[in-house]
Amino acid sequence: MIKELLKVQKEVNRVLRKAEQEDDSFEGIVDKLGMVRMYDVGLPMHMVLGIVEEFVKDVEERERIKALAGFDEEHTQNLYDTVSVKWNSRNN
């Protein structure tokens, strides 16, 4: 049973990542998730809707993480300090 659950989890994650990348419609995501099978049975609609709802809640966090990827706060602060000194001393 655990193997089957892990297989479903992997497939659901794949479908959701691809749908997000391709900017699929809500109906498209629901249809694709409805095709995921566990023991040759499709996921029930209430489960599909719950999965989509949970995924949507996490979108803001994923976007924030993507935006901060490679962001170095210390480097930015040092650069700010250096540039501000140069700017403020330009007329002296």
C-alpha atoms as a PDB file:
ATOM      1  CA  MET A   1       0.000   0.000   0.000  1.00  0.00           C
ATOM      2  CA  ILE A   2       2.814   2.450   0.861  1.00  0.00           C
ATOM      3  CA  LYS A   3       4.415   1.880  -2.556  1.00  0.00           C
ATOM      4  CA  GLU A   4       1.144   2.720  -4.255  1.00  0.00           C
ATOM      5  CA  LEU A   5       0.708   5.891  -2.172  1.00  0.00           C
ATOM      6  CA  LEU A   6       4.240   7.022  -2.973  1.00  0.00           C
ATOM      7  CA  LYS A   7       3.615   6.388  -6.657  1.00  0.00           C
ATOM      8  CA  VAL A   8       0.443   8.489  -6.525  1.00  0.00           C
ATOM      9  CA  GLN A   9       2.233  11.264  -4.621  1.00  0.00           C
ATOM     10  CA  LYS A  10       4.991  11.354  -7.227  1.00  0.00           C
ATOM     11  CA  GLU A  11       2.488  11.481 -10.091  1.00  0.00           C
ATOM     12  CA  VAL A  12       0.372  14.187  -8.412  1.00  0.00           C
ATOM     13  CA  ASN A  13       3.472  16.319  -7.814  1.00  0.00           C
ATOM     14  CA  ARG A  14       4.552  15.853 -11.435  1.00  0.00           C
ATOM     15  CA  VAL A  15       1.127  16.863 -12.744  1.00  0.00           C
ATOM     16  CA  LEU A  16       0.975  19.934 -10.507  1.00  0.00           C
ATOM     17  CA  ARG A  17       4.495  21.133 -11.354  1.00  0.00           C
ATOM     18  CA  LYS A  18       3.842  20.726 -15.074  1.00  0.00           C
ATOM     19  CA  ALA A  19       0.456  22.436 -14.825  1.00  0.00           C
ATOM     20  CA  GLU A  20       2.018  25.379 -13.010  1.00  0.00           C
ATOM     21  CA  GLN A  21       4.835  25.685 -15.565  1.00  0.00           C
ATOM     22  CA  GLU A  22       2.406  25.504 -18.480  1.00  0.00           C
ATOM     23  CA  ASP A  23      -0.149  27.769 -16.761  1.00  0.00           C
ATOM     24  CA  ASP A  24      -2.939  25.201 -17.163  1.00  0.00           C
ATOM     25  CA  SER A  25      -6.528  26.141 -16.420  1.00  0.00           C
ATOM     26  CA  PHE A  26      -8.258  24.934 -13.270  1.00  0.00           C
ATOM     27  CA  GLU A  27     -10.372  22.530 -15.317  1.00  0.00           C
ATOM     28  CA  GLY A  28      -7.257  21.147 -16.984  1.00  0.00           C
ATOM     29  CA  ILE A  29      -5.562  20.511 -13.655  1.00  0.00           C
ATOM     30  CA  VAL A  30      -8.672  18.811 -12.254  1.00  0.00           C
ATOM     31  CA  ASP A  31      -8.932  16.622 -15.355  1.00  0.00           C
ATOM     32  CA  LYS A  32      -5.265  15.624 -15.207  1.00  0.00           C
ATOM     33  CA  LEU A  33      -5.386  14.852 -11.505  1.00  0.00           C
ATOM     34  CA  GLY A  34      -8.552  12.853 -12.075  1.00  0.00           C
ATOM     35  CA  MET A  35      -6.529  10.603 -14.383  1.00  0.00           C
ATOM     36  CA  VAL A  36      -4.090   9.697 -11.580  1.00  0.00           C
ATOM     37  CA  ARG A  37      -4.946   6.202 -10.462  1.00  0.00           C
ATOM     38  CA  MET A  38      -4.463   4.247  -7.272  1.00  0.00           C
ATOM     39  CA  TYR A  39      -5.057   0.536  -7.594  1.00  0.00           C
ATOM     40  CA  ASP A  40      -6.621   1.224 -11.011  1.00  0.00           C
ATOM     41  CA  VAL A  41      -9.155   3.633  -9.531  1.00  0.00           C
ATOM     42  CA  GLY A  42      -9.130   7.367 -10.241  1.00  0.00           C
ATOM     43  CA  LEU A  43      -8.830   9.784  -7.367  1.00  0.00           C
ATOM     44  CA  PRO A  44     -12.221  10.925  -6.011  1.00  0.00           C
ATOM     45  CA  MET A  45     -13.256  14.479  -6.927  1.00  0.00           C
ATOM     46  CA  HIS A  46     -13.204  15.723  -3.329  1.00  0.00           C
ATOM     47  CA  MET A  47      -9.621  14.476  -3.013  1.00  0.00           C
ATOM     48  CA  VAL A  48      -8.597  16.140  -6.284  1.00  0.00           C
ATOM     49  CA  LEU A  49     -10.137  19.428  -5.148  1.00  0.00           C
ATOM     50  CA  GLY A  50      -8.377  19.160  -1.789  1.00  0.00           C
ATOM     51  CA  ILE A  51      -5.040  18.564  -3.524  1.00  0.00           C
ATOM     52  CA  VAL A  52      -5.526  21.589  -5.786  1.00  0.00           C
ATOM     53  CA  GLU A  53      -6.582  23.744  -2.833  1.00  0.00           C
ATOM     54  CA  GLU A  54      -3.467  22.773  -0.870  1.00  0.00           C
ATOM     55  CA  PHE A  55      -1.263  23.412  -3.906  1.00  0.00           C
ATOM     56  CA  VAL A  56      -2.763  26.874  -4.442  1.00  0.00           C
ATOM     57  CA  LYS A  57      -2.113  27.797  -0.800  1.00  0.00           C
ATOM     58  CA  ASP A  58       1.573  27.025  -1.330  1.00  0.00           C
ATOM     59  CA  VAL A  59       1.902  29.120  -4.523  1.00  0.00           C
ATOM     60  CA  GLU A  60       2.780  32.333  -2.689  1.00  0.00           C
ATOM     61  CA  GLU A  61       5.515  30.600  -0.711  1.00  0.00           C
ATOM     62  CA  ARG A  62       6.966  28.987  -3.851  1.00  0.00           C
ATOM     63  CA  GLU A  63       6.949  32.357  -5.641  1.00  0.00           C
ATOM     64  CA  ARG A  64       8.709  34.006  -2.693  1.00  0.00           C
ATOM     65  CA  ILE A  65      11.356  31.288  -2.653  1.00  0.00           C
ATOM     66  CA  LYS A  66      11.893  31.614  -6.422  1.00  0.00           C
ATOM     67  CA  ALA A  67      12.222  35.381  -6.115  1.00  0.00           C
ATOM     68  CA  LEU A  68      14.841  35.030  -3.400  1.00  0.00           C
ATOM     69  CA  ALA A  69      16.841  32.328  -5.168  1.00  0.00           C
ATOM     70  CA  GLY A  70      20.389  33.564  -5.336  1.00  0.00           C
ATOM     71  CA  PHE A  71      19.582  36.658  -3.263  1.00  0.00           C
ATOM     72  CA  ASP A  72      22.409  37.523  -0.879  1.00  0.00           C
ATOM     73  CA  GLU A  73      21.183  40.023   1.687  1.00  0.00           C
ATOM     74  CA  GLU A  74      24.665  40.768   3.068  1.00  0.00           C
ATOM     75  CA  HIS A  75      26.063  41.463  -0.408  1.00  0.00           C
ATOM     76  CA  THR A  76      23.116  43.739  -1.183  1.00  0.00           C
ATOM     77  CA  GLN A  77      23.576  45.655   2.074  1.00  0.00           C
ATOM     78  CA  ASN A  78      27.310  46.096   1.405  1.00  0.00           C
ATOM     79  CA  LEU A  79      26.620  47.281  -2.120  1.00  0.00           C
ATOM     80  CA  TYR A  80      23.977  49.702  -0.856  1.00  0.00           C
ATOM     81  CA  ASP A  81      26.420  51.126   1.694  1.00  0.00           C
ATOM     82  CA  THR A  82      29.150  51.570  -0.921  1.00  0.00           C
ATOM     83  CA  VAL A  83      26.925  53.150  -3.543  1.00  0.00           C
ATOM     84  CA  SER A  84      25.196  55.457  -1.064  1.00  0.00           C
ATOM     85  CA  VAL A  85      28.576  56.783   0.137  1.00  0.00           C
ATOM     86  CA  LYS A  86      29.632  57.405  -3.463  1.00  0.00           C
ATOM     87  CA  TRP A  87      26.349  59.117  -4.268  1.00  0.00           C
ATOM     88  CA  ASN A  88      26.421  61.312  -1.188  1.00  0.00           C
ATOM     89  CA  SER A  89      30.089  62.308  -1.704  1.00  0.00           C
ATOM     90  CA  ARG A  90      29.789  63.117  -5.426  1.00  0.00           C
ATOM     91  CA  ASN A  91      29.336  66.844  -4.809  1.00  0.00           C
ATOM     92  CA  ASN A  92      32.075  67.220  -2.196  1.00  0.00           C
END
